[in-house]
Amino acid sequence: MDLEARSLQPNVKAVLLAKLREYKSDLNNLKSEHKRLASANSNQAARDDLLESGMADAMSVSDNQRGRLMMSTERLNESSDRIKESRRTMRETEELGVSILQDLHQQRQSLLHANDTVFLLLKVPYRHHLLTGKFEGKDEKEINEKRRKKEQVKEIKMLF
């Protein structure tokens, strides 16, 4: 019992080891009382009375110990069941998290692709006709004129 109690979790181990020390103490007390009664030269009737009362106490202690041991075993089994349930829940949560991250990755890729497509269309409006066959952008001369004006404004700002 001592080895089994030492292999348990610290919070359960402390309680069981204390009970085990108590039981060992009770056993040592009973042994010493038995030796004392066996070695004493008292009359047989007194000896029988003491032995009977000691045995009754030992039986009640044994029953009490058995009951406490059964309760401890039951609590240990319940704790084991809770741990198993917690592990199952943890695995399910992890699987759900992985699934969500995969979905988010796919959505991110779709958004990046859409952003690249829109950027290309907005960056060079006169290329739109290459994709659609229609020219809806400004005339190339107008675009070049605006670029030239912007460059002139930049040059003027640099002078000041």
C-alpha atoms as a PDB file:
ATOM      1  CA  MET A   1       0.000   0.000   0.000  1.00  0.00           C
ATOM      2  CA  ASP A   2       2.893   2.310   0.761  1.00  0.00           C
ATOM      3  CA  LEU A   3       4.308   1.958  -2.776  1.00  0.00           C
ATOM      4  CA  GLU A   4       0.904   2.502  -4.363  1.00  0.00           C
ATOM      5  CA  ALA A   5       0.271   5.623  -2.281  1.00  0.00           C
ATOM      6  CA  ARG A   6       3.686   7.095  -3.197  1.00  0.00           C
ATOM      7  CA  SER A   7       2.995   6.680  -6.929  1.00  0.00           C
ATOM      8  CA  LEU A   8      -0.181   8.808  -6.842  1.00  0.00           C
ATOM      9  CA  GLN A   9      -0.584  12.548  -7.377  1.00  0.00           C
ATOM     10  CA  PRO A  10       0.817  14.777  -4.603  1.00  0.00           C
ATOM     11  CA  ASN A  11      -2.534  15.952  -3.227  1.00  0.00           C
ATOM     12  CA  VAL A  12      -3.908  12.384  -2.970  1.00  0.00           C
ATOM     13  CA  LYS A  13      -0.545  10.950  -1.890  1.00  0.00           C
ATOM     14  CA  ALA A  14      -0.298  13.149   1.203  1.00  0.00           C
ATOM     15  CA  VAL A  15      -3.715  12.074   2.473  1.00  0.00           C
ATOM     16  CA  LEU A  16      -3.149   8.384   1.834  1.00  0.00           C
ATOM     17  CA  LEU A  17       0.336   8.397   3.388  1.00  0.00           C
ATOM     18  CA  ALA A  18      -1.048  10.048   6.533  1.00  0.00           C
ATOM     19  CA  LYS A  19      -3.734   7.371   6.778  1.00  0.00           C
ATOM     20  CA  LEU A  20      -1.130   4.675   6.181  1.00  0.00           C
ATOM     21  CA  ARG A  21       1.020   6.025   9.037  1.00  0.00           C
ATOM     22  CA  GLU A  22      -2.067   6.009  11.250  1.00  0.00           C
ATOM     23  CA  TYR A  23      -2.795   2.401  10.331  1.00  0.00           C
ATOM     24  CA  LYS A  24       0.803   1.384  10.981  1.00  0.00           C
ATOM     25  CA  SER A  25       0.679   3.096  14.349  1.00  0.00           C
ATOM     26  CA  ASP A  26      -2.557   1.285  15.211  1.00  0.00           C
ATOM     27  CA  LEU A  27      -0.984  -2.005  14.147  1.00  0.00           C
ATOM     28  CA  ASN A  28       2.108  -1.395  16.270  1.00  0.00           C
ATOM     29  CA  ASN A  29      -0.079  -0.511  19.270  1.00  0.00           C
ATOM     30  CA  LEU A  30      -2.075  -3.684  18.821  1.00  0.00           C
ATOM     31  CA  LYS A  31       1.089  -5.749  18.504  1.00  0.00           C
ATOM     32  CA  SER A  32       2.572  -4.279  21.654  1.00  0.00           C
ATOM     33  CA  GLU A  33      -0.702  -4.810  23.534  1.00  0.00           C
ATOM     34  CA  HIS A  34      -0.787  -8.382  22.293  1.00  0.00           C
ATOM     35  CA  LYS A  35       2.778  -9.006  23.487  1.00  0.00           C
ATOM     36  CA  ARG A  36       2.003  -7.428  26.836  1.00  0.00           C
ATOM     37  CA  LEU A  37      -1.098  -9.580  27.284  1.00  0.00           C
ATOM     38  CA  ALA A  38       0.600 -12.721  26.104  1.00  0.00           C
ATOM     39  CA  SER A  39       3.586 -12.262  28.401  1.00  0.00           C
ATOM     40  CA  ALA A  40       1.611 -11.234  31.456  1.00  0.00           C
ATOM     41  CA  ASN A  41       0.823 -13.951  33.974  1.00  0.00           C
ATOM     42  CA  SER A  42      -2.669 -12.774  34.730  1.00  0.00           C
ATOM     43  CA  ASN A  43      -5.655 -15.018  35.001  1.00  0.00           C
ATOM     44  CA  GLN A  44      -7.088 -16.523  31.828  1.00  0.00           C
ATOM     45  CA  ALA A  45     -10.505 -14.858  32.108  1.00  0.00           C
ATOM     46  CA  ALA A  46      -9.049 -11.345  32.183  1.00  0.00           C
ATOM     47  CA  ARG A  47      -6.819 -12.238  29.256  1.00  0.00           C
ATOM     48  CA  ASP A  48      -9.782 -13.537  27.254  1.00  0.00           C
ATOM     49  CA  ASP A  49     -11.787 -10.397  27.964  1.00  0.00           C
ATOM     50  CA  LEU A  50      -8.958  -8.175  26.790  1.00  0.00           C
ATOM     51  CA  LEU A  51      -8.381 -10.203  23.655  1.00  0.00           C
ATOM     52  CA  GLU A  52     -12.058 -10.170  22.752  1.00  0.00           C
ATOM     53  CA  SER A  53     -12.348  -6.434  23.200  1.00  0.00           C
ATOM     54  CA  GLY A  54      -9.105  -5.902  21.250  1.00  0.00           C
ATOM     55  CA  MET A  55     -10.337  -8.056  18.411  1.00  0.00           C
ATOM     56  CA  ALA A  56     -13.620  -6.176  18.300  1.00  0.00           C
ATOM     57  CA  ASP A  57     -11.689  -2.918  18.074  1.00  0.00           C
ATOM     58  CA  ALA A  58      -9.426  -4.384  15.388  1.00  0.00           C
ATOM     59  CA  MET A  59     -12.443  -5.550  13.396  1.00  0.00           C
ATOM     60  CA  SER A  60     -14.099  -2.139  13.579  1.00  0.00           C
ATOM     61  CA  VAL A  61     -10.813  -0.466  12.616  1.00  0.00           C
ATOM     62  CA  SER A  62     -10.459  -2.881   9.710  1.00  0.00           C
ATOM     63  CA  ASP A  63     -14.017  -2.179   8.540  1.00  0.00           C
ATOM     64  CA  ASN A  64     -13.419   1.544   8.904  1.00  0.00           C
ATOM     65  CA  GLN A  65     -10.211   1.291   6.887  1.00  0.00           C
ATOM     66  CA  ARG A  66     -11.917  -0.755   4.203  1.00  0.00           C
ATOM     67  CA  GLY A  67     -14.696   1.843   3.916  1.00  0.00           C
ATOM     68  CA  ARG A  68     -12.202   4.710   3.623  1.00  0.00           C
ATOM     69  CA  LEU A  69     -10.191   2.767   1.071  1.00  0.00           C
ATOM     70  CA  MET A  70     -13.306   2.110  -1.016  1.00  0.00           C
ATOM     71  CA  MET A  71     -14.256   5.810  -0.891  1.00  0.00           C
ATOM     72  CA  SER A  72     -10.731   6.776  -1.934  1.00  0.00           C
ATOM     73  CA  THR A  73     -10.821   4.303  -4.802  1.00  0.00           C
ATOM     74  CA  GLU A  74     -14.170   5.669  -5.958  1.00  0.00           C
ATOM     75  CA  ARG A  75     -12.861   9.250  -5.884  1.00  0.00           C
ATOM     76  CA  LEU A  76      -9.775   8.169  -7.803  1.00  0.00           C
ATOM     77  CA  ASN A  77     -11.920   6.515 -10.491  1.00  0.00           C
ATOM     78  CA  GLU A  78     -14.078   9.653 -10.780  1.00  0.00           C
ATOM     79  CA  SER A  79     -10.964  11.799 -11.153  1.00  0.00           C
ATOM     80  CA  SER A  80      -9.641   9.487 -13.859  1.00  0.00           C
ATOM     81  CA  ASP A  81     -12.936   9.782 -15.742  1.00  0.00           C
ATOM     82  CA  ARG A  82     -12.808  13.584 -15.522  1.00  0.00           C
ATOM     83  CA  ILE A  83      -9.247  13.592 -16.846  1.00  0.00           C
ATOM     84  CA  LYS A  84     -10.239  11.372 -19.787  1.00  0.00           C
ATOM     85  CA  GLU A  85     -13.172  13.676 -20.594  1.00  0.00           C
ATOM     86  CA  SER A  86     -10.922  16.735 -20.387  1.00  0.00           C
ATOM     87  CA  ARG A  87      -8.409  15.175 -22.769  1.00  0.00           C
ATOM     88  CA  ARG A  88     -11.183  14.330 -25.240  1.00  0.00           C
ATOM     89  CA  THR A  89     -12.468  17.908 -25.088  1.00  0.00           C
ATOM     90  CA  MET A  90      -8.923  19.209 -25.575  1.00  0.00           C
ATOM     91  CA  ARG A  91      -8.438  17.077 -28.714  1.00  0.00           C
ATOM     92  CA  GLU A  92     -11.768  18.245 -30.154  1.00  0.00           C
ATOM     93  CA  THR A  93     -10.882  21.876 -29.469  1.00  0.00           C
ATOM     94  CA  GLU A  94      -7.478  21.462 -31.088  1.00  0.00           C
ATOM     95  CA  GLU A  95      -9.024  19.882 -34.199  1.00  0.00           C
ATOM     96  CA  LEU A  96     -11.540  22.734 -34.436  1.00  0.00           C
ATOM     97  CA  GLY A  97      -8.746  25.293 -34.082  1.00  0.00           C
ATOM     98  CA  VAL A  98      -6.742  23.659 -36.879  1.00  0.00           C
ATOM     99  CA  SER A  99      -9.812  23.650 -39.118  1.00  0.00           C
ATOM    100  CA  ILE A 100     -10.482  27.346 -38.444  1.00  0.00           C
ATOM    101  CA  LEU A 101      -6.849  28.249 -39.169  1.00  0.00           C
ATOM    102  CA  GLN A 102      -6.995  26.367 -42.485  1.00  0.00           C
ATOM    103  CA  ASP A 103     -10.190  28.209 -43.460  1.00  0.00           C
ATOM    104  CA  LEU A 104      -8.636  31.553 -42.531  1.00  0.00           C
ATOM    105  CA  HIS A 105      -5.553  30.736 -44.614  1.00  0.00           C
ATOM    106  CA  GLN A 106      -7.707  29.951 -47.652  1.00  0.00           C
ATOM    107  CA  GLN A 107      -9.684  33.177 -47.186  1.00  0.00           C
ATOM    108  CA  ARG A 108      -6.452  35.169 -46.861  1.00  0.00           C
ATOM    109  CA  GLN A 109      -5.147  33.681 -50.095  1.00  0.00           C
ATOM    110  CA  SER A 110      -8.397  34.574 -51.872  1.00  0.00           C
ATOM    111  CA  LEU A 111      -8.270  38.144 -50.561  1.00  0.00           C
ATOM    112  CA  LEU A 112      -4.634  38.564 -51.594  1.00  0.00           C
ATOM    113  CA  HIS A 113      -5.406  37.306 -55.087  1.00  0.00           C
ATOM    114  CA  ALA A 114      -8.411  39.653 -55.387  1.00  0.00           C
ATOM    115  CA  ASN A 115      -6.296  42.551 -54.110  1.00  0.00           C
ATOM    116  CA  ASP A 116      -3.591  41.846 -56.698  1.00  0.00           C
ATOM    117  CA  THR A 117      -6.182  41.717 -59.475  1.00  0.00           C
ATOM    118  CA  VAL A 118      -7.802  45.010 -58.425  1.00  0.00           C
ATOM    119  CA  PHE A 119      -4.410  46.667 -58.010  1.00  0.00           C
ATOM    120  CA  LEU A 120      -3.387  45.687 -61.526  1.00  0.00           C
ATOM    121  CA  LEU A 121      -6.640  46.997 -62.979  1.00  0.00           C
ATOM    122  CA  LEU A 122      -6.449  50.318 -61.085  1.00  0.00           C
ATOM    123  CA  LYS A 123      -2.734  50.855 -61.601  1.00  0.00           C
ATOM    124  CA  VAL A 124      -2.911  50.853 -65.365  1.00  0.00           C
ATOM    125  CA  PRO A 125      -6.436  51.819 -66.477  1.00  0.00           C
ATOM    126  CA  TYR A 126      -5.642  51.774 -70.190  1.00  0.00           C
ATOM    127  CA  ARG A 127      -4.786  48.038 -69.913  1.00  0.00           C
ATOM    128  CA  HIS A 128      -8.387  47.329 -68.983  1.00  0.00           C
ATOM    129  CA  HIS A 129      -9.180  46.976 -72.653  1.00  0.00           C
ATOM    130  CA  LEU A 130      -6.745  44.053 -72.814  1.00  0.00           C
ATOM    131  CA  LEU A 131      -8.879  42.132 -70.332  1.00  0.00           C
ATOM    132  CA  THR A 132     -12.334  43.152 -71.532  1.00  0.00           C
ATOM    133  CA  GLY A 133     -11.799  44.122 -75.137  1.00  0.00           C
ATOM    134  CA  LYS A 134     -13.225  47.584 -74.379  1.00  0.00           C
ATOM    135  CA  PHE A 135     -11.286  50.733 -73.682  1.00  0.00           C
ATOM    136  CA  GLU A 136     -12.908  52.520 -70.768  1.00  0.00           C
ATOM    137  CA  GLY A 137      -9.862  54.343 -69.422  1.00  0.00           C
ATOM    138  CA  LYS A 138      -8.638  57.804 -70.336  1.00  0.00           C
ATOM    139  CA  ASP A 139      -6.854  58.462 -73.503  1.00  0.00           C
ATOM    140  CA  GLU A 140      -3.149  57.688 -73.307  1.00  0.00           C
ATOM    141  CA  LYS A 141      -2.283  61.282 -74.180  1.00  0.00           C
ATOM    142  CA  GLU A 142      -4.335  62.571 -71.267  1.00  0.00           C
ATOM    143  CA  ILE A 143      -2.593  60.157 -68.905  1.00  0.00           C
ATOM    144  CA  ASN A 144       0.830  61.247 -70.090  1.00  0.00           C
ATOM    145  CA  GLU A 145      -0.200  64.912 -69.785  1.00  0.00           C
ATOM    146  CA  LYS A 146      -1.267  64.415 -66.161  1.00  0.00           C
ATOM    147  CA  ARG A 147       1.977  62.629 -65.382  1.00  0.00           C
ATOM    148  CA  ARG A 148       3.957  65.483 -66.885  1.00  0.00           C
ATOM    149  CA  LYS A 149       1.994  68.045 -64.852  1.00  0.00           C
ATOM    150  CA  LYS A 150       2.602  66.085 -61.641  1.00  0.00           C
ATOM    151  CA  GLU A 151       6.319  65.961 -62.379  1.00  0.00           C
ATOM    152  CA  GLN A 152       6.376  69.729 -63.007  1.00  0.00           C
ATOM    153  CA  VAL A 153       4.601  70.353 -59.685  1.00  0.00           C
ATOM    154  CA  LYS A 154       7.182  68.182 -57.916  1.00  0.00           C
ATOM    155  CA  GLU A 155      10.033  70.120 -59.560  1.00  0.00           C
ATOM    156  CA  ILE A 156       8.508  73.454 -58.506  1.00  0.00           C
ATOM    157  CA  LYS A 157       8.086  72.226 -54.928  1.00  0.00           C
ATOM    158  CA  MET A 158      11.706  71.136 -54.866  1.00  0.00           C
ATOM    159  CA  LEU A 159      12.806  74.641 -55.802  1.00  0.00           C
ATOM    160  CA  PHE A 160      11.125  76.139 -52.758  1.00  0.00           C
END
